[in-house]
PDB file of N, CA and C in Angstrom:
ATOM      1  N   MET A   1      -9.844  67.280 -10.620  1.00  0.00           N
ATOM      2  CA  MET A   1     -10.606  66.375  -9.783  1.00  0.00           C
ATOM      3  C   MET A   1     -10.318  64.933 -10.281  1.00  0.00           C
ATOM      4  N   GLN A   2      -9.757  64.135  -9.397  1.00  0.00           N
ATOM      5  CA  GLN A   2      -9.356  62.839  -9.844  1.00  0.00           C
ATOM      6  C   GLN A   2     -10.101  61.744  -8.979  1.00  0.00           C
ATOM      7  N   TYR A   3     -11.331  61.522  -9.119  1.00  0.00           N
ATOM      8  CA  TYR A   3     -12.062  60.510  -8.456  1.00  0.00           C
ATOM      9  C   TYR A   3     -12.562  59.436  -9.370  1.00  0.00           C
ATOM     10  N   THR A   4     -12.486  58.185  -8.938  1.00  0.00           N
ATOM     11  CA  THR A   4     -13.131  57.099  -9.630  1.00  0.00           C
ATOM     12  C   THR A   4     -13.979  56.388  -8.699  1.00  0.00           C
ATOM     13  N   ILE A   5     -15.217  56.269  -8.990  1.00  0.00           N
ATOM     14  CA  ILE A   5     -16.133  55.574  -8.070  1.00  0.00           C
ATOM     15  C   ILE A   5     -16.784  54.398  -8.739  1.00  0.00           C
ATOM     16  N   SER A   6     -16.543  53.285  -8.245  1.00  0.00           N
ATOM     17  CA  SER A   6     -17.030  52.005  -8.837  1.00  0.00           C
ATOM     18  C   SER A   6     -17.960  51.273  -7.945  1.00  0.00           C
ATOM     19  N   GLY A   7     -18.860  50.579  -8.484  1.00  0.00           N
ATOM     20  CA  GLY A   7     -19.783  49.782  -7.649  1.00  0.00           C
ATOM     21  C   GLY A   7     -20.845  49.127  -8.448  1.00  0.00           C
ATOM     22  N   LYS A   8     -21.528  48.153  -7.741  1.00  0.00           N
ATOM     23  CA  LYS A   8     -22.641  47.362  -8.440  1.00  0.00           C
ATOM     24  C   LYS A   8     -23.899  48.330  -8.291  1.00  0.00           C
ATOM     25  N   VAL A   9     -24.672  48.232  -9.333  1.00  0.00           N
ATOM     26  CA  VAL A   9     -25.944  48.881  -9.399  1.00  0.00           C
ATOM     27  C   VAL A   9     -26.993  48.127  -8.476  1.00  0.00           C
ATOM     28  N   VAL A  10     -27.537  48.904  -7.586  1.00  0.00           N
ATOM     29  CA  VAL A  10     -28.502  48.255  -6.572  1.00  0.00           C
ATOM     30  C   VAL A  10     -29.799  49.043  -6.724  1.00  0.00           C
ATOM     31  N   LYS A  11     -30.845  48.520  -6.245  1.00  0.00           N
ATOM     32  CA  LYS A  11     -32.206  49.090  -6.361  1.00  0.00           C
ATOM     33  C   LYS A  11     -32.195  50.289  -5.392  1.00  0.00           C
ATOM     34  N   GLY A  12     -32.695  51.441  -5.913  1.00  0.00           N
ATOM     35  CA  GLY A  12     -32.895  52.573  -5.145  1.00  0.00           C
ATOM     36  C   GLY A  12     -34.352  52.749  -4.791  1.00  0.00           C
ATOM     37  N   ASP A  13     -34.771  54.000  -4.497  1.00  0.00           N
ATOM     38  CA  ASP A  13     -36.151  54.152  -4.110  1.00  0.00           C
ATOM     39  C   ASP A  13     -37.094  54.382  -5.357  1.00  0.00           C
ATOM     40  N   GLY A  14     -36.504  54.417  -6.615  1.00  0.00           N
ATOM     41  CA  GLY A  14     -37.304  54.554  -7.836  1.00  0.00           C
ATOM     42  C   GLY A  14     -37.794  55.972  -8.072  1.00  0.00           C
ATOM     43  N   TYR A  15     -37.430  56.931  -7.302  1.00  0.00           N
ATOM     44  CA  TYR A  15     -37.906  58.316  -7.432  1.00  0.00           C
ATOM     45  C   TYR A  15     -37.516  58.939  -8.722  1.00  0.00           C
ATOM     46  N   GLY A  16     -36.166  58.769  -9.060  1.00  0.00           N
ATOM     47  CA  GLY A  16     -35.777  59.282 -10.369  1.00  0.00           C
ATOM     48  C   GLY A  16     -36.462  58.856 -11.565  1.00  0.00           C
ATOM     49  N   ARG A  17     -36.789  57.597 -11.573  1.00  0.00           N
ATOM     50  CA  ARG A  17     -37.597  56.988 -12.696  1.00  0.00           C
ATOM     51  C   ARG A  17     -39.007  57.619 -12.631  1.00  0.00           C
ATOM     52  N   LYS A  18     -39.538  57.727 -11.503  1.00  0.00           N
ATOM     53  CA  LYS A  18     -41.003  58.293 -11.276  1.00  0.00           C
ATOM     54  C   LYS A  18     -41.042  59.702 -11.991  1.00  0.00           C
ATOM     55  N   ILE A  19     -39.939  60.429 -11.841  1.00  0.00           N
ATOM     56  CA  ILE A  19     -40.019  61.852 -12.278  1.00  0.00           C
ATOM     57  C   ILE A  19     -39.336  61.980 -13.660  1.00  0.00           C
ATOM     58  N   GLY A  20     -38.982  60.908 -14.275  1.00  0.00           N
ATOM     59  CA  GLY A  20     -38.564  60.972 -15.679  1.00  0.00           C
ATOM     60  C   GLY A  20     -37.102  60.966 -15.864  1.00  0.00           C
ATOM     61  N   PHE A  21     -36.291  60.842 -14.738  1.00  0.00           N
ATOM     62  CA  PHE A  21     -34.822  60.764 -14.824  1.00  0.00           C
ATOM     63  C   PHE A  21     -34.280  59.647 -14.014  1.00  0.00           C
ATOM     64  N   PRO A  22     -34.342  58.394 -14.646  1.00  0.00           N
ATOM     65  CA  PRO A  22     -33.852  57.177 -13.972  1.00  0.00           C
ATOM     66  C   PRO A  22     -32.465  57.280 -13.675  1.00  0.00           C
ATOM     67  N   THR A  23     -32.048  56.764 -12.514  1.00  0.00           N
ATOM     68  CA  THR A  23     -30.696  56.769 -12.036  1.00  0.00           C
ATOM     69  C   THR A  23     -30.150  55.411 -11.794  1.00  0.00           C
ATOM     70  N   VAL A  24     -28.804  55.208 -11.901  1.00  0.00           N
ATOM     71  CA  VAL A  24     -28.268  53.972 -11.269  1.00  0.00           C
ATOM     72  C   VAL A  24     -27.768  54.354  -9.966  1.00  0.00           C
ATOM     73  N   ASN A  25     -28.122  53.535  -8.895  1.00  0.00           N
ATOM     74  CA  ASN A  25     -27.684  53.753  -7.567  1.00  0.00           C
ATOM     75  C   ASN A  25     -26.508  52.739  -7.264  1.00  0.00           C
ATOM     76  N   LEU A  26     -25.451  53.253  -6.890  1.00  0.00           N
ATOM     77  CA  LEU A  26     -24.188  52.381  -6.612  1.00  0.00           C
ATOM     78  C   LEU A  26     -24.055  51.992  -5.166  1.00  0.00           C
ATOM     79  N   GLU A  27     -23.704  50.696  -5.047  1.00  0.00           N
ATOM     80  CA  GLU A  27     -23.331  50.103  -3.778  1.00  0.00           C
ATOM     81  C   GLU A  27     -21.779  50.378  -3.758  1.00  0.00           C
ATOM     82  N   ILE A  28     -21.440  51.294  -2.825  1.00  0.00           N
ATOM     83  CA  ILE A  28     -19.983  51.531  -2.718  1.00  0.00           C
ATOM     84  C   ILE A  28     -19.446  51.140  -1.368  1.00  0.00           C
ATOM     85  N   ASN A  29     -18.216  50.687  -1.338  1.00  0.00           N
ATOM     86  CA  ASN A  29     -17.627  50.137  -0.154  1.00  0.00           C
ATOM     87  C   ASN A  29     -16.256  50.897   0.187  1.00  0.00           C
ATOM     88  N   ASP A  30     -16.359  51.734   1.154  1.00  0.00           N
ATOM     89  CA  ASP A  30     -15.159  52.395   1.589  1.00  0.00           C
ATOM     90  C   ASP A  30     -14.363  53.123   0.539  1.00  0.00           C
ATOM     91  N   GLN A  31     -14.879  53.864  -0.318  1.00  0.00           N
ATOM     92  CA  GLN A  31     -14.285  54.586  -1.382  1.00  0.00           C
ATOM     93  C   GLN A  31     -14.201  56.042  -1.003  1.00  0.00           C
ATOM     94  N   GLU A  32     -13.201  56.708  -1.305  1.00  0.00           N
ATOM     95  CA  GLU A  32     -13.099  58.180  -1.170  1.00  0.00           C
ATOM     96  C   GLU A  32     -13.929  58.854  -2.092  1.00  0.00           C
ATOM     97  N   LEU A  33     -14.819  59.706  -1.594  1.00  0.00           N
ATOM     98  CA  LEU A  33     -15.761  60.370  -2.471  1.00  0.00           C
ATOM     99  C   LEU A  33     -15.457  61.875  -2.460  1.00  0.00           C
ATOM    100  N   PRO A  34     -15.825  62.562  -3.475  1.00  0.00           N
ATOM    101  CA  PRO A  34     -15.780  64.070  -3.488  1.00  0.00           C
ATOM    102  C   PRO A  34     -16.848  64.586  -2.610  1.00  0.00           C
ATOM    103  N   LYS A  35     -16.853  65.853  -2.300  1.00  0.00           N
ATOM    104  CA  LYS A  35     -17.899  66.392  -1.402  1.00  0.00           C
ATOM    105  C   LYS A  35     -19.224  66.292  -2.041  1.00  0.00           C
ATOM    106  N   ALA A  36     -20.244  66.233  -1.137  1.00  0.00           N
ATOM    107  CA  ALA A  36     -21.602  66.099  -1.533  1.00  0.00           C
ATOM    108  C   ALA A  36     -21.992  67.138  -2.552  1.00  0.00           C
ATOM    109  N   GLY A  37     -22.714  66.752  -3.609  1.00  0.00           N
ATOM    110  CA  GLY A  37     -23.170  67.704  -4.608  1.00  0.00           C
ATOM    111  C   GLY A  37     -23.488  66.957  -5.944  1.00  0.00           C
ATOM    112  N   VAL A  38     -23.640  67.824  -6.975  1.00  0.00           N
ATOM    113  CA  VAL A  38     -23.951  67.372  -8.295  1.00  0.00           C
ATOM    114  C   VAL A  38     -22.817  67.691  -9.251  1.00  0.00           C
ATOM    115  N   TYR A  39     -22.379  66.703 -10.051  1.00  0.00           N
ATOM    116  CA  TYR A  39     -21.295  66.694 -10.900  1.00  0.00           C
ATOM    117  C   TYR A  39     -21.550  66.353 -12.273  1.00  0.00           C
ATOM    118  N   VAL A  40     -20.877  66.901 -13.239  1.00  0.00           N
ATOM    119  CA  VAL A  40     -20.803  66.375 -14.623  1.00  0.00           C
ATOM    120  C   VAL A  40     -19.725  65.374 -14.685  1.00  0.00           C
ATOM    121  N   GLY A  41     -19.981  64.258 -15.329  1.00  0.00           N
ATOM    122  CA  GLY A  41     -18.893  63.294 -15.357  1.00  0.00           C
ATOM    123  C   GLY A  41     -19.202  62.214 -16.486  1.00  0.00           C
ATOM    124  N   ASP A  42     -18.465  61.165 -16.502  1.00  0.00           N
ATOM    125  CA  ASP A  42     -18.592  60.016 -17.383  1.00  0.00           C
ATOM    126  C   ASP A  42     -18.963  58.843 -16.482  1.00  0.00           C
ATOM    127  N   ALA A  43     -19.682  57.921 -17.211  1.00  0.00           N
ATOM    128  CA  ALA A  43     -20.004  56.625 -16.590  1.00  0.00           C
ATOM    129  C   ALA A  43     -19.538  55.516 -17.593  1.00  0.00           C
ATOM    130  N   ILE A  44     -19.038  54.488 -17.088  1.00  0.00           N
ATOM    131  CA  ILE A  44     -18.704  53.361 -17.920  1.00  0.00           C
ATOM    132  C   ILE A  44     -19.572  52.123 -17.459  1.00  0.00           C
ATOM    133  N   LEU A  45     -20.295  51.636 -18.332  1.00  0.00           N
ATOM    134  CA  LEU A  45     -21.250  50.567 -18.104  1.00  0.00           C
ATOM    135  C   LEU A  45     -21.226  49.627 -19.278  1.00  0.00           C
ATOM    136  N   GLU A  46     -20.828  48.278 -19.050  1.00  0.00           N
ATOM    137  CA  GLU A  46     -20.635  47.318 -20.093  1.00  0.00           C
ATOM    138  C   GLU A  46     -19.794  47.825 -21.232  1.00  0.00           C
ATOM    139  N   ASN A  47     -18.636  48.422 -20.933  1.00  0.00           N
ATOM    140  CA  ASN A  47     -17.710  48.894 -21.923  1.00  0.00           C
ATOM    141  C   ASN A  47     -18.175  50.098 -22.800  1.00  0.00           C
ATOM    142  N   GLN A  48     -19.301  50.735 -22.413  1.00  0.00           N
ATOM    143  CA  GLN A  48     -19.904  51.898 -23.091  1.00  0.00           C
ATOM    144  C   GLN A  48     -19.550  53.048 -22.169  1.00  0.00           C
ATOM    145  N   LYS A  49     -19.280  54.222 -22.770  1.00  0.00           N
ATOM    146  CA  LYS A  49     -19.137  55.405 -22.062  1.00  0.00           C
ATOM    147  C   LYS A  49     -20.371  56.276 -22.223  1.00  0.00           C
ATOM    148  N   TYR A  50     -20.793  56.856 -21.130  1.00  0.00           N
ATOM    149  CA  TYR A  50     -22.083  57.671 -21.125  1.00  0.00           C
ATOM    150  C   TYR A  50     -21.648  59.067 -20.471  1.00  0.00           C
ATOM    151  N   CYS A  51     -22.188  60.174 -20.976  1.00  0.00           N
ATOM    152  CA  CYS A  51     -22.089  61.354 -20.201  1.00  0.00           C
ATOM    153  C   CYS A  51     -23.202  61.166 -19.029  1.00  0.00           C
ATOM    154  N   ALA A  52     -22.838  61.716 -17.849  1.00  0.00           N
ATOM    155  CA  ALA A  52     -23.596  61.348 -16.699  1.00  0.00           C
ATOM    156  C   ALA A  52     -23.720  62.624 -15.817  1.00  0.00           C
ATOM    157  N   GLY A  53     -24.920  62.699 -15.225  1.00  0.00           N
ATOM    158  CA  GLY A  53     -25.103  63.628 -14.071  1.00  0.00           C
ATOM    159  C   GLY A  53     -24.941  62.776 -12.901  1.00  0.00           C
ATOM    160  N   ILE A  54     -23.948  63.154 -12.018  1.00  0.00           N
ATOM    161  CA  ILE A  54     -23.578  62.323 -10.845  1.00  0.00           C
ATOM    162  C   ILE A  54     -24.024  63.086  -9.595  1.00  0.00           C
ATOM    163  N   VAL A  55     -24.747  62.426  -8.712  1.00  0.00           N
ATOM    164  CA  VAL A  55     -25.105  62.956  -7.443  1.00  0.00           C
ATOM    165  C   VAL A  55     -24.431  62.167  -6.272  1.00  0.00           C
ATOM    166  N   ILE A  56     -23.659  63.024  -5.527  1.00  0.00           N
ATOM    167  CA  ILE A  56     -23.097  62.452  -4.234  1.00  0.00           C
ATOM    168  C   ILE A  56     -23.942  63.052  -3.098  1.00  0.00           C
ATOM    169  N   GLY A  57     -24.781  62.305  -2.517  1.00  0.00           N
ATOM    170  CA  GLY A  57     -25.688  62.706  -1.485  1.00  0.00           C
ATOM    171  C   GLY A  57     -25.271  62.495  -0.135  1.00  0.00           C
ATOM    172  N   PRO A  58     -26.043  62.883   0.800  1.00  0.00           N
ATOM    173  CA  PRO A  58     -25.730  62.684   2.105  1.00  0.00           C
ATOM    174  C   PRO A  58     -25.523  61.170   2.419  1.00  0.00           C
ATOM    175  N   ALA A  59     -24.958  60.804   3.498  1.00  0.00           N
ATOM    176  CA  ALA A  59     -24.690  59.480   3.883  1.00  0.00           C
ATOM    177  C   ALA A  59     -23.974  58.679   2.717  1.00  0.00           C
ATOM    178  N   GLU A  60     -23.208  59.341   1.980  1.00  0.00           N
ATOM    179  CA  GLU A  60     -22.435  58.695   0.980  1.00  0.00           C
ATOM    180  C   GLU A  60     -23.318  57.890  -0.053  1.00  0.00           C
ATOM    181  N   LYS A  61     -24.487  58.520  -0.364  1.00  0.00           N
ATOM    182  CA  LYS A  61     -25.291  57.856  -1.446  1.00  0.00           C
ATOM    183  C   LYS A  61     -24.805  58.375  -2.696  1.00  0.00           C
ATOM    184  N   VAL A  62     -24.600  57.456  -3.724  1.00  0.00           N
ATOM    185  CA  VAL A  62     -24.041  57.815  -5.008  1.00  0.00           C
ATOM    186  C   VAL A  62     -25.029  57.254  -6.059  1.00  0.00           C
ATOM    187  N   GLU A  63     -25.487  58.176  -6.884  1.00  0.00           N
ATOM    188  CA  GLU A  63     -26.293  57.745  -7.951  1.00  0.00           C
ATOM    189  C   GLU A  63     -26.013  58.635  -9.202  1.00  0.00           C
ATOM    190  N   ALA A  64     -26.363  58.095 -10.402  1.00  0.00           N
ATOM    191  CA  ALA A  64     -26.039  58.893 -11.618  1.00  0.00           C
ATOM    192  C   ALA A  64     -27.165  58.603 -12.604  1.00  0.00           C
ATOM    193  N   HIS A  65     -27.494  59.689 -13.403  1.00  0.00           N
ATOM    194  CA  HIS A  65     -28.385  59.585 -14.567  1.00  0.00           C
ATOM    195  C   HIS A  65     -27.416  59.546 -15.781  1.00  0.00           C
ATOM    196  N   LEU A  66     -27.462  58.341 -16.517  1.00  0.00           N
ATOM    197  CA  LEU A  66     -26.697  58.172 -17.692  1.00  0.00           C
ATOM    198  C   LEU A  66     -27.405  58.597 -18.877  1.00  0.00           C
ATOM    199  N   ILE A  67     -26.977  59.627 -19.515  1.00  0.00           N
ATOM    200  CA  ILE A  67     -27.641  60.214 -20.672  1.00  0.00           C
ATOM    201  C   ILE A  67     -27.629  59.237 -21.873  1.00  0.00           C
ATOM    202  N   GLY A  68     -28.804  58.881 -22.368  1.00  0.00           N
ATOM    203  CA  GLY A  68     -28.816  57.909 -23.465  1.00  0.00           C
ATOM    204  C   GLY A  68     -28.913  56.499 -23.073  1.00  0.00           C
ATOM    205  N   TYR A  69     -28.945  56.157 -21.774  1.00  0.00           N
ATOM    206  CA  TYR A  69     -29.056  54.844 -21.261  1.00  0.00           C
ATOM    207  C   TYR A  69     -30.478  54.501 -20.859  1.00  0.00           C
ATOM    208  N   SER A  70     -31.075  53.525 -21.259  1.00  0.00           N
ATOM    209  CA  SER A  70     -32.503  53.271 -20.854  1.00  0.00           C
ATOM    210  C   SER A  70     -32.761  51.822 -20.508  1.00  0.00           C
ATOM    211  N   GLN A  71     -31.648  50.996 -20.307  1.00  0.00           N
ATOM    212  CA  GLN A  71     -31.857  49.587 -20.061  1.00  0.00           C
ATOM    213  C   GLN A  71     -31.849  49.299 -18.572  1.00  0.00           C
ATOM    214  N   ASP A  72     -32.009  48.100 -18.198  1.00  0.00           N
ATOM    215  CA  ASP A  72     -31.968  47.589 -16.735  1.00  0.00           C
ATOM    216  C   ASP A  72     -30.480  47.367 -16.467  1.00  0.00           C
ATOM    217  N   ALA A  73     -30.021  48.086 -15.412  1.00  0.00           N
ATOM    218  CA  ALA A  73     -28.583  47.984 -15.068  1.00  0.00           C
ATOM    219  C   ALA A  73     -28.434  47.227 -13.614  1.00  0.00           C
ATOM    220  N   TYR A  74     -29.479  46.766 -13.085  1.00  0.00           N
ATOM    221  CA  TYR A  74     -29.263  46.129 -11.774  1.00  0.00           C
ATOM    222  C   TYR A  74     -28.286  44.969 -11.826  1.00  0.00           C
ATOM    223  N   GLY A  75     -27.440  45.036 -10.854  1.00  0.00           N
ATOM    224  CA  GLY A  75     -26.364  43.910 -10.639  1.00  0.00           C
ATOM    225  C   GLY A  75     -25.114  44.234 -11.492  1.00  0.00           C
ATOM    226  N   LYS A  76     -25.154  45.167 -12.315  1.00  0.00           N
ATOM    227  CA  LYS A  76     -24.011  45.358 -13.252  1.00  0.00           C
ATOM    228  C   LYS A  76     -23.065  46.382 -12.550  1.00  0.00           C
ATOM    229  N   GLU A  77     -21.769  46.220 -12.986  1.00  0.00           N
ATOM    230  CA  GLU A  77     -20.790  47.195 -12.455  1.00  0.00           C
ATOM    231  C   GLU A  77     -20.718  48.426 -13.268  1.00  0.00           C
ATOM    232  N   VAL A  78     -20.630  49.515 -12.524  1.00  0.00           N
ATOM    233  CA  VAL A  78     -20.593  50.961 -13.150  1.00  0.00           C
ATOM    234  C   VAL A  78     -19.390  51.584 -12.565  1.00  0.00           C
ATOM    235  N   THR A  79     -18.651  52.359 -13.378  1.00  0.00           N
ATOM    236  CA  THR A  79     -17.518  53.199 -12.975  1.00  0.00           C
ATOM    237  C   THR A  79     -17.847  54.623 -13.300  1.00  0.00           C
ATOM    238  N   LEU A  80     -17.828  55.472 -12.314  1.00  0.00           N
ATOM    239  CA  LEU A  80     -18.143  56.852 -12.512  1.00  0.00           C
ATOM    240  C   LEU A  80     -16.931  57.708 -12.410  1.00  0.00           C
ATOM    241  N   HIS A  81     -16.718  58.748 -13.217  1.00  0.00           N
ATOM    242  CA  HIS A  81     -15.601  59.651 -13.213  1.00  0.00           C
ATOM    243  C   HIS A  81     -16.133  61.067 -13.026  1.00  0.00           C
ATOM    244  N   PRO A  82     -16.373  61.647 -11.819  1.00  0.00           N
ATOM    245  CA  PRO A  82     -16.811  62.972 -11.833  1.00  0.00           C
ATOM    246  C   PRO A  82     -15.756  63.889 -12.334  1.00  0.00           C
ATOM    247  N   LYS A  83     -16.135  64.873 -13.223  1.00  0.00           N
ATOM    248  CA  LYS A  83     -15.129  65.740 -13.815  1.00  0.00           C
ATOM    249  C   LYS A  83     -15.293  67.145 -13.349  1.00  0.00           C
ATOM    250  N   LYS A  84     -16.581  67.647 -13.160  1.00  0.00           N
ATOM    251  CA  LYS A  84     -16.775  69.076 -12.892  1.00  0.00           C
ATOM    252  C   LYS A  84     -17.837  69.258 -11.891  1.00  0.00           C
ATOM    253  N   PHE A  85     -17.634  70.037 -10.824  1.00  0.00           N
ATOM    254  CA  PHE A  85     -18.657  70.277  -9.810  1.00  0.00           C
ATOM    255  C   PHE A  85     -19.665  71.263 -10.379  1.00  0.00           C
ATOM    256  N   LEU A  86     -20.944  70.918 -10.341  1.00  0.00           N
ATOM    257  CA  LEU A  86     -21.961  71.892 -10.711  1.00  0.00           C
ATOM    258  C   LEU A  86     -22.634  72.690  -9.739  1.00  0.00           C
ATOM    259  N   ARG A  87     -22.967  71.912  -8.608  1.00  0.00           N
ATOM    260  CA  ARG A  87     -23.671  72.639  -7.564  1.00  0.00           C
ATOM    261  C   ARG A  87     -23.792  71.817  -6.261  1.00  0.00           C
ATOM    262  N   GLU A  88     -24.043  72.502  -5.182  1.00  0.00           N
ATOM    263  CA  GLU A  88     -24.195  71.894  -3.907  1.00  0.00           C
ATOM    264  C   GLU A  88     -25.464  70.945  -3.964  1.00  0.00           C
ATOM    265  N   TYR A  89     -25.435  69.917  -3.151  1.00  0.00           N
ATOM    266  CA  TYR A  89     -26.528  69.047  -2.953  1.00  0.00           C
ATOM    267  C   TYR A  89     -27.626  69.814  -2.195  1.00  0.00           C
ATOM    268  N   GLN A  90     -28.827  69.729  -2.638  1.00  0.00           N
ATOM    269  CA  GLN A  90     -29.930  70.447  -1.960  1.00  0.00           C
ATOM    270  C   GLN A  90     -31.302  69.743  -2.042  1.00  0.00           C
ATOM    271  N   LYS A  91     -32.119  70.072  -1.056  1.00  0.00           N
ATOM    272  CA  LYS A  91     -33.529  69.655  -1.145  1.00  0.00           C
ATOM    273  C   LYS A  91     -34.301  70.666  -1.714  1.00  0.00           C
ATOM    274  N   PHE A  92     -35.378  70.309  -2.459  1.00  0.00           N
ATOM    275  CA  PHE A  92     -36.250  71.223  -3.134  1.00  0.00           C
ATOM    276  C   PHE A  92     -37.586  71.254  -2.530  1.00  0.00           C
ATOM    277  N   ASN A  93     -38.289  72.417  -2.487  1.00  0.00           N
ATOM    278  CA  ASN A  93     -39.657  72.580  -1.954  1.00  0.00           C
ATOM    279  C   ASN A  93     -40.628  71.810  -2.709  1.00  0.00           C
ATOM    280  N   THR A  94     -40.586  71.794  -3.977  1.00  0.00           N
ATOM    281  CA  THR A  94     -41.579  71.106  -4.789  1.00  0.00           C
ATOM    282  C   THR A  94     -40.835  70.149  -5.841  1.00  0.00           C
ATOM    283  N   GLU A  95     -41.662  69.199  -6.285  1.00  0.00           N
ATOM    284  CA  GLU A  95     -41.194  68.302  -7.309  1.00  0.00           C
ATOM    285  C   GLU A  95     -40.874  69.117  -8.555  1.00  0.00           C
ATOM    286  N   GLU A  96     -41.698  70.130  -8.893  1.00  0.00           N
ATOM    287  CA  GLU A  96     -41.432  70.914 -10.089  1.00  0.00           C
ATOM    288  C   GLU A  96     -40.213  71.640 -10.008  1.00  0.00           C
ATOM    289  N   GLU A  97     -39.802  72.204  -8.892  1.00  0.00           N
ATOM    290  CA  GLU A  97     -38.540  72.878  -8.773  1.00  0.00           C
ATOM    291  C   GLU A  97     -37.413  71.858  -9.034  1.00  0.00           C
ATOM    292  N   LEU A  98     -37.511  70.677  -8.431  1.00  0.00           N
ATOM    293  CA  LEU A  98     -36.485  69.608  -8.619  1.00  0.00           C
ATOM    294  C   LEU A  98     -36.313  69.241 -10.114  1.00  0.00           C
ATOM    295  N   ILE A  99     -37.448  69.029 -10.742  1.00  0.00           N
ATOM    296  CA  ILE A  99     -37.414  68.590 -12.257  1.00  0.00           C
ATOM    297  C   ILE A  99     -36.800  69.814 -13.048  1.00  0.00           C
ATOM    298  N   ALA A 100     -37.132  70.988 -12.768  1.00  0.00           N
ATOM    299  CA  ALA A 100     -36.546  72.122 -13.489  1.00  0.00           C
ATOM    300  C   ALA A 100     -35.037  72.198 -13.313  1.00  0.00           C
ATOM    301  N   GLN A 101     -34.597  71.868 -12.048  1.00  0.00           N
ATOM    302  CA  GLN A 101     -33.161  71.918 -11.874  1.00  0.00           C
ATOM    303  C   GLN A 101     -32.401  70.726 -12.452  1.00  0.00           C
ATOM    304  N   ILE A 102     -33.047  69.635 -12.415  1.00  0.00           N
ATOM    305  CA  ILE A 102     -32.454  68.474 -13.193  1.00  0.00           C
ATOM    306  C   ILE A 102     -32.352  68.662 -14.621  1.00  0.00           C
ATOM    307  N   LYS A 103     -33.272  69.249 -15.211  1.00  0.00           N
ATOM    308  CA  LYS A 103     -33.199  69.591 -16.608  1.00  0.00           C
ATOM    309  C   LYS A 103     -32.021  70.529 -16.908  1.00  0.00           C
ATOM    310  N   LYS A 104     -31.794  71.513 -16.062  1.00  0.00           N
ATOM    311  CA  LYS A 104     -30.673  72.346 -16.203  1.00  0.00           C
ATOM    312  C   LYS A 104     -29.352  71.673 -16.100  1.00  0.00           C
ATOM    313  N   ASP A 105     -29.358  70.792 -15.051  1.00  0.00           N
ATOM    314  CA  ASP A 105     -28.124  69.999 -14.806  1.00  0.00           C
ATOM    315  C   ASP A 105     -27.813  69.179 -15.937  1.00  0.00           C
ATOM    316  N   ILE A 106     -28.823  68.446 -16.605  1.00  0.00           N
ATOM    317  CA  ILE A 106     -28.576  67.533 -17.739  1.00  0.00           C
ATOM    318  C   ILE A 106     -28.120  68.316 -18.905  1.00  0.00           C
ATOM    319  N   GLN A 107     -28.665  69.548 -19.094  1.00  0.00           N
ATOM    320  CA  GLN A 107     -28.205  70.311 -20.222  1.00  0.00           C
ATOM    321  C   GLN A 107     -26.778  70.695 -20.095  1.00  0.00           C
ATOM    322  N   LEU A 108     -26.325  70.995 -18.875  1.00  0.00           N
ATOM    323  CA  LEU A 108     -24.877  71.207 -18.697  1.00  0.00           C
ATOM    324  C   LEU A 108     -23.997  70.057 -18.884  1.00  0.00           C
ATOM    325  N   CYS A 109     -24.525  68.902 -18.494  1.00  0.00           N
ATOM    326  CA  CYS A 109     -23.784  67.659 -18.684  1.00  0.00           C
ATOM    327  C   CYS A 109     -23.647  67.332 -20.215  1.00  0.00           C
ATOM    328  N   SER A 110     -24.683  67.674 -20.937  1.00  0.00           N
ATOM    329  CA  SER A 110     -24.625  67.454 -22.370  1.00  0.00           C
ATOM    330  C   SER A 110     -23.625  68.279 -23.142  1.00  0.00           C
ATOM    331  N   GLN A 111     -23.381  69.427 -22.566  1.00  0.00           N
ATOM    332  CA  GLN A 111     -22.467  70.436 -23.163  1.00  0.00           C
ATOM    333  C   GLN A 111     -20.990  70.091 -22.839  1.00  0.00           C
ATOM    334  N   GLU A 112     -20.700  69.247 -21.833  1.00  0.00           N
ATOM    335  CA  GLU A 112     -19.320  69.019 -21.495  1.00  0.00           C
ATOM    336  C   GLU A 112     -18.679  67.894 -22.484  1.00  0.00           C
TER     337      GLU A 112
END
């Protein structure tokens, strides 16, 4: 899989931060994206490389949880490299189910 997704970090809805998994939301312009789903990959932010859980959502929404990053990234450029498809994009019935799945996804990201 050879995708590179670059964009400026923009304000999202804040839901990831609310449930303990802050994400960077990317403003993307006419870039080819992999199919919707959750990926293990890398993120480059300010010349630092982070392991990342990358979500390609409906309507070409792209966001990523950068493992080990806790600063404010608004307005900064981020480059994502999805490496491995983990699972289909899905909606969860409860917040608890979503949090449990994110924890599993992050564990898989940390192992890559």
